[in-house]
Amino acid sequence: MKYTSIILILVLPVALIAQQEESVPMKLDYNKGYAQGQEEGSRVSQGGWIAGGLAGGFLGGCIGGGIVWLIASGDTPPYIPEGPGEYERGYIDGYKQSTKSKKQQNALIGGLIGTAAAVTIVLLATSGE
């Protein structure tokens, strides 16, 4: 009986705290949706934009790579988790911003590589004269 009382005294507060934490509902607002949308959007592959930037940079130099960077836009998420309207708007905005940022980053990298390759080819072609 003595040990049972000690165990109850030690375990009961922990059980009450755990129950209280479970009963607190998570508020789904714009910021939580935005953060989740950004997280999901960052997982989407945008490797094709490196190739686009590479082609733009190779064919048009910095201007060609810049054009590819400018046309990069955010994707609409294929799935929108259910929640209040402001949460859903935040999720969509976060997803679009994340995919746009990733596309622009890849286009910029490809554009710089393409421009460097074009300049190298021109320099090598003209240095033999």
Protein backbone atom coordinates (compact mmCIF):
# COMPACT_ATOMS: atom_id res chain seq x y z
CA MET A 1 0.00 0.00 0.00
CA LYS A 2 2.85 2.32 0.83
CA TYR A 3 4.49 1.84 -2.61
CA THR A 4 1.19 2.25 -4.42
CA SER A 5 0.68 5.62 -2.74
CA ILE A 6 4.17 6.77 -3.70
CA ILE A 7 3.71 5.67 -7.31
CA LEU A 8 0.35 7.47 -7.51
CA ILE A 9 1.86 10.63 -6.08
CA LEU A 10 4.67 10.54 -8.68
CA VAL A 11 2.67 9.38 -11.72
CA LEU A 12 -0.56 11.34 -11.28
CA PRO A 13 0.89 14.82 -11.95
CA VAL A 14 2.68 13.56 -15.08
CA ALA A 15 -0.52 11.97 -16.38
CA LEU A 16 -2.50 15.16 -15.73
CA ILE A 17 0.08 17.31 -17.53
CA ALA A 18 0.14 14.94 -20.51
CA GLN A 19 -3.64 14.96 -20.68
CA GLN A 20 -3.71 18.77 -20.49
CA GLU A 21 -1.20 19.10 -23.36
CA GLU A 22 -3.24 16.76 -25.55
CA SER A 23 -6.42 18.73 -24.95
CA VAL A 24 -4.93 22.04 -26.16
CA PRO A 25 -6.06 22.40 -29.78
CA MET A 26 -3.50 23.57 -32.33
CA LYS A 27 -4.60 26.88 -33.77
CA LEU A 28 -4.38 26.74 -37.54
CA ASP A 29 -3.76 30.27 -38.75
CA TYR A 30 -2.12 31.89 -41.78
CA ASN A 31 1.41 31.68 -40.36
CA LYS A 32 1.16 27.97 -39.54
CA GLY A 33 -0.21 27.30 -43.03
CA TYR A 34 2.53 29.41 -44.62
CA ALA A 35 5.26 27.55 -42.72
CA GLN A 36 3.83 24.16 -43.64
CA GLY A 37 3.41 25.21 -47.29
CA GLN A 38 7.03 26.38 -47.44
CA GLU A 39 8.21 23.11 -45.96
CA GLU A 40 6.23 21.06 -48.48
CA GLY A 41 7.27 23.28 -51.40
CA SER A 42 10.95 22.94 -50.54
CA ARG A 43 10.67 19.17 -51.11
CA VAL A 44 9.57 19.56 -54.74
CA SER A 45 12.33 18.97 -57.28
CA GLN A 46 13.05 21.89 -59.60
CA GLY A 47 16.06 20.42 -61.43
CA GLY A 48 14.68 21.31 -64.85
CA TRP A 49 15.22 24.97 -64.06
CA ILE A 50 18.97 24.42 -63.92
CA ALA A 51 18.79 23.18 -67.51
CA GLY A 52 16.63 26.16 -68.50
CA GLY A 53 19.04 28.59 -66.87
CA LEU A 54 21.98 26.80 -68.49
CA ALA A 55 20.42 27.12 -71.94
CA GLY A 56 19.43 30.74 -71.34
CA GLY A 57 22.88 31.64 -70.04
CA PHE A 58 24.68 29.82 -72.83
CA LEU A 59 22.57 31.30 -75.62
CA GLY A 60 21.92 34.75 -74.18
CA GLY A 61 24.59 35.34 -71.58
CA CYS A 62 23.58 37.13 -68.41
CA ILE A 63 20.46 38.52 -70.08
CA GLY A 64 19.29 35.07 -71.19
CA GLY A 65 19.88 33.62 -67.73
CA GLY A 66 18.12 36.63 -66.20
CA ILE A 67 15.08 36.11 -68.41
CA VAL A 68 14.79 32.50 -67.26
CA TRP A 69 15.12 33.71 -63.65
CA LEU A 70 12.35 36.28 -64.20
CA ILE A 71 9.85 33.82 -65.69
CA ALA A 72 10.15 31.42 -62.77
CA SER A 73 6.86 31.38 -60.88
CA GLY A 74 5.51 29.46 -57.94
CA ASP A 75 3.60 26.21 -58.36
CA THR A 76 0.12 25.61 -57.06
CA PRO A 77 0.19 22.81 -54.48
CA PRO A 78 -1.31 19.53 -55.70
CA TYR A 79 -2.87 19.01 -52.27
CA ILE A 80 -4.17 21.59 -49.81
CA PRO A 81 -4.68 20.34 -46.26
CA GLU A 82 -8.07 21.12 -44.81
CA GLY A 83 -8.35 23.85 -42.26
CA PRO A 84 -9.71 27.34 -41.80
CA GLY A 85 -9.62 29.60 -44.87
CA GLU A 86 -6.71 31.67 -43.59
CA TYR A 87 -4.67 28.49 -42.95
CA GLU A 88 -5.33 27.26 -46.50
CA ARG A 89 -4.37 30.66 -47.98
CA GLY A 90 -1.17 30.63 -45.94
CA TYR A 91 -0.36 27.11 -47.10
CA ILE A 92 -0.86 28.04 -50.76
CA ASP A 93 1.20 31.24 -50.42
CA GLY A 94 4.02 29.45 -48.61
CA TYR A 95 4.09 26.63 -51.16
CA LYS A 96 4.14 29.04 -54.09
CA GLN A 97 6.87 31.19 -52.54
CA SER A 98 9.02 28.17 -51.76
CA THR A 99 8.75 26.65 -55.24
CA LYS A 100 9.36 30.04 -56.88
CA SER A 101 12.46 30.63 -54.77
CA LYS A 102 13.81 27.17 -55.57
CA LYS A 103 13.17 27.65 -59.31
CA GLN A 104 14.88 31.04 -59.30
CA GLN A 105 17.87 29.69 -57.42
CA ASN A 106 18.28 26.81 -59.88
CA ALA A 107 17.78 29.12 -62.89
CA LEU A 108 20.43 31.48 -61.52
CA ILE A 109 22.93 28.66 -61.00
CA GLY A 110 22.26 27.31 -64.49
CA GLY A 111 22.44 30.79 -66.00
CA LEU A 112 25.82 31.49 -64.41
CA ILE A 113 27.22 28.16 -65.56
CA GLY A 114 25.84 28.67 -69.09
CA THR A 115 27.27 32.19 -69.29
CA ALA A 116 30.66 31.01 -68.02
CA ALA A 117 30.68 28.19 -70.57
CA ALA A 118 29.82 30.56 -73.43
CA VAL A 119 32.50 33.06 -72.39
CA THR A 120 35.07 30.25 -72.08
CA ILE A 121 34.26 28.97 -75.56
CA VAL A 122 34.50 32.46 -77.06
CA LEU A 123 37.82 33.11 -75.30
CA LEU A 124 39.27 29.80 -76.42
CA ALA A 125 38.10 30.35 -79.99
CA THR A 126 39.61 33.84 -80.21
CA SER A 127 42.85 33.14 -78.33
CA GLY A 128 44.26 31.00 -81.15
CA GLU A 129 44.58 33.93 -83.54
